[in-house]
Protein backbone atom coordinates (compact mmCIF):
# COMPACT_ATOMS: atom_id res chain seq x y z
CA MET A 1 132.15 194.81 -7.84
CA LYS A 2 134.61 192.86 -9.97
CA TYR A 3 137.16 190.38 -8.68
CA GLN A 4 140.70 191.09 -9.91
CA ASN A 5 143.22 188.29 -10.52
CA LYS A 6 146.50 187.80 -12.36
CA GLN A 7 147.38 184.66 -14.27
CA TYR A 8 150.89 183.72 -15.29
CA VAL A 9 151.42 182.82 -18.95
CA ARG A 10 154.04 180.07 -19.10
CA TRP A 11 156.24 179.48 -22.13
CA GLY A 12 154.70 176.01 -22.26
CA ASP A 13 151.26 177.57 -22.85
CA LEU A 14 152.34 178.54 -26.38
CA ASP A 15 151.45 176.09 -29.13
CA ALA A 16 152.96 175.27 -32.54
CA PHE A 17 151.44 178.46 -33.98
CA GLY A 18 153.42 180.57 -31.51
CA HIS A 19 150.47 181.79 -29.44
CA VAL A 20 148.68 180.66 -26.31
CA ASN A 21 146.59 177.60 -27.12
CA ASN A 22 142.82 178.16 -27.07
CA ALA A 23 142.18 175.55 -24.34
CA THR A 24 144.59 177.33 -22.01
CA TYR A 25 142.26 180.33 -21.69
CA LEU A 26 139.81 178.07 -19.85
CA VAL A 27 142.62 177.02 -17.50
CA TYR A 28 143.30 180.69 -16.73
CA ALA A 29 139.57 181.18 -16.06
CA GLN A 30 139.47 178.09 -13.83
CA GLU A 31 142.45 179.21 -11.77
CA ALA A 32 141.01 182.70 -11.31
CA ARG A 33 137.56 181.29 -10.44
CA PHE A 34 139.05 178.95 -7.84
CA ALA A 35 140.99 181.78 -6.19
CA TRP A 36 137.77 183.83 -6.10
CA SER A 37 135.27 181.21 -4.88
CA LYS A 38 136.90 178.23 -3.17
CA MET A 39 134.00 178.18 -0.68
CA ILE A 40 131.37 177.21 -3.27
CA GLU A 41 131.11 173.57 -4.27
CA MET A 42 130.28 173.72 -7.96
CA VAL A 43 130.80 172.26 -11.39
CA VAL A 44 131.00 174.12 -14.69
CA ALA A 45 127.97 173.30 -16.81
CA ARG A 46 128.76 175.58 -19.76
CA ALA A 47 131.66 177.66 -21.05
CA GLU A 48 131.95 179.94 -24.06
CA VAL A 49 135.03 181.87 -25.12
CA ASP A 50 135.39 184.85 -27.43
CA PHE A 51 139.04 185.06 -28.50
CA ILE A 52 139.73 188.69 -29.27
CA ALA A 53 143.52 189.01 -29.54
CA PRO A 54 146.25 186.37 -29.34
CA ILE A 55 148.98 186.20 -26.71
CA TYR A 56 152.31 185.68 -28.47
CA THR A 57 154.66 185.54 -25.49
CA GLY A 58 155.12 183.65 -22.26
CA ASP A 59 156.62 184.76 -18.96
CA ILE A 60 154.02 187.52 -18.52
CA TYR A 61 150.98 188.05 -16.32
CA ILE A 62 147.55 188.74 -17.74
CA ASP A 63 144.77 190.41 -15.78
CA VAL A 64 141.51 188.53 -15.24
CA GLU A 65 138.37 190.31 -14.03
CA ILE A 66 135.41 188.21 -12.90
CA TRP A 67 131.87 189.25 -12.11
CA VAL A 68 128.51 187.55 -11.69
CA HIS A 69 125.91 188.37 -14.31
CA LYS A 70 123.11 186.02 -13.21
CA ILE A 71 122.11 184.16 -10.07
CA GLY A 72 119.58 181.33 -10.22
CA ASN A 73 118.30 178.78 -7.71
CA SER A 74 121.16 176.30 -8.01
CA SER A 75 123.34 177.98 -10.62
CA PHE A 76 125.05 181.24 -11.42
CA ALA A 77 126.72 182.75 -14.46
CA LEU A 78 130.08 184.50 -14.59
CA THR A 79 131.77 186.79 -17.07
CA TYR A 80 135.55 187.03 -17.28
CA GLU A 81 137.58 189.60 -19.16
CA MET A 82 141.23 188.82 -19.80
CA LYS A 83 143.58 191.66 -20.64
CA ASN A 84 147.22 192.05 -21.52
CA GLY A 85 147.79 195.58 -20.25
CA ASP A 86 144.98 197.64 -21.75
CA GLU A 87 144.33 195.16 -24.58
CA LEU A 88 141.28 192.91 -24.22
CA ILE A 89 142.37 189.43 -25.28
CA ALA A 90 139.39 187.24 -24.36
CA ARG A 91 135.91 187.32 -22.89
CA ILE A 92 134.61 184.13 -21.29
CA LYS A 93 131.20 183.26 -19.91
CA THR A 94 130.56 180.23 -17.74
CA VAL A 95 127.58 178.73 -15.93
CA GLN A 96 128.28 176.98 -12.65
CA VAL A 97 125.92 174.60 -10.87
CA THR A 98 126.23 174.14 -7.12
CA VAL A 99 126.57 170.51 -6.06
CA SER A 100 126.44 168.47 -2.91
CA MET A 101 129.76 166.72 -2.43
CA ASP A 102 127.89 163.92 -0.62
CA THR A 103 125.34 163.13 -3.33
CA LYS A 104 127.23 164.57 -6.34
CA LYS A 105 123.93 166.16 -7.44
CA SER A 106 122.88 169.76 -7.86
CA ARG A 107 121.55 171.61 -4.85
CA PRO A 108 120.18 175.09 -4.18
CA LEU A 109 122.56 177.93 -3.37
CA THR A 110 122.91 178.53 0.35
CA ASP A 111 122.11 181.94 1.80
CA ALA A 112 125.83 182.53 2.40
CA GLU A 113 126.69 181.64 -1.21
CA ARG A 114 123.92 183.88 -2.55
CA GLU A 115 125.15 186.75 -0.36
CA PHE A 116 128.73 186.24 -1.61
CA LEU A 117 127.64 186.12 -5.27
CA THR A 118 125.44 189.19 -4.90
CA LYS A 119 128.50 191.27 -3.95
CA TYR A 120 129.86 190.62 -7.47
CA LEU A 121 126.57 190.94 -9.38
CA GLU A 122 126.79 193.39 -12.29
CA GLU A 123 124.81 194.00 -15.43
CA GLU A 124 125.78 191.88 -18.40
CA LYS A 125 127.87 193.71 -21.01
């Protein structure tokens, strides 16, 4: 199963080249990830972005699909596809590490977290 989200592209997201700034794609991913998984205390350990097509306008919504492509002991990996209509604009992969908010150190996934993540587990594309 994939999680579906919409992210609003603000006029202020456009840079001097007239397209959405590259760093902003990670903000869209972060906002979508937070809406999907507020229950999991985590930090992002790695992020990679493939920019496929630019966004040249603000005041639109883009679609963000998220799914899990790997679950480890204390980490999990996500894939995001961002689309403007039918056009794929970016593919992002991140690795999250679960943390204890008390110790600020990594910790194993709980059974509830693992069960939640498993619902979104799909083969890597």
